[in-house]
């Protein structure tokens, strides 16, 4: 396990992550032009991309899932948008501690989400504090609170709702029956 820190001030920029091989990318059917796309990498992992990236063709960027990044903020004046969101060609993510530009973020239509740390701006260091997330079966329990990514092919399909067995209609012709039957709030 390793972690990333800001090279300027030492601020922690990521949770503990482990190095994996660069995936080929998500299948085209999982990428949409109308919803936020899933991340390229699984939580708790990162890759080193040796190919040139961005307008400056930076080599050796560290690619992480956006959910694994901590201690950063967007610099809104530097954000470039594509169809409807961030394109990631230039650094637009700054360290919260000192304001140094440390990364770029991508989550535009048709591409997977990713955050890329620039190697000159961050320090990669071993992380030996606590059990390894890869061997701990309960390490990602907090992620269960988040809904699964939407992998449906067509955006017009209605979202699934959970059934409400505690609601019983006694008068179908009564006022407001539909409003009570089709609610999606938590049971009392």
Foldseek 3Di string as FASTA:
>chain_A
DKFKAFPPPRHTWFDAAAEDEQDPFDDQLQFAQPDFGAARDDPRYWYFAQFQAAPVGAGGWIKHAVVGTDQKDFQVVPADADPHHGCFRDQGIAGNPPGHRFWTWDGHGRHHTIIIGRVVGMDMGDDDPDDDLVPDPCNCVVVVVDDDDDSHRDPVDDDDADADVVDDDDDPPDPCSVVVRPDRDDDD
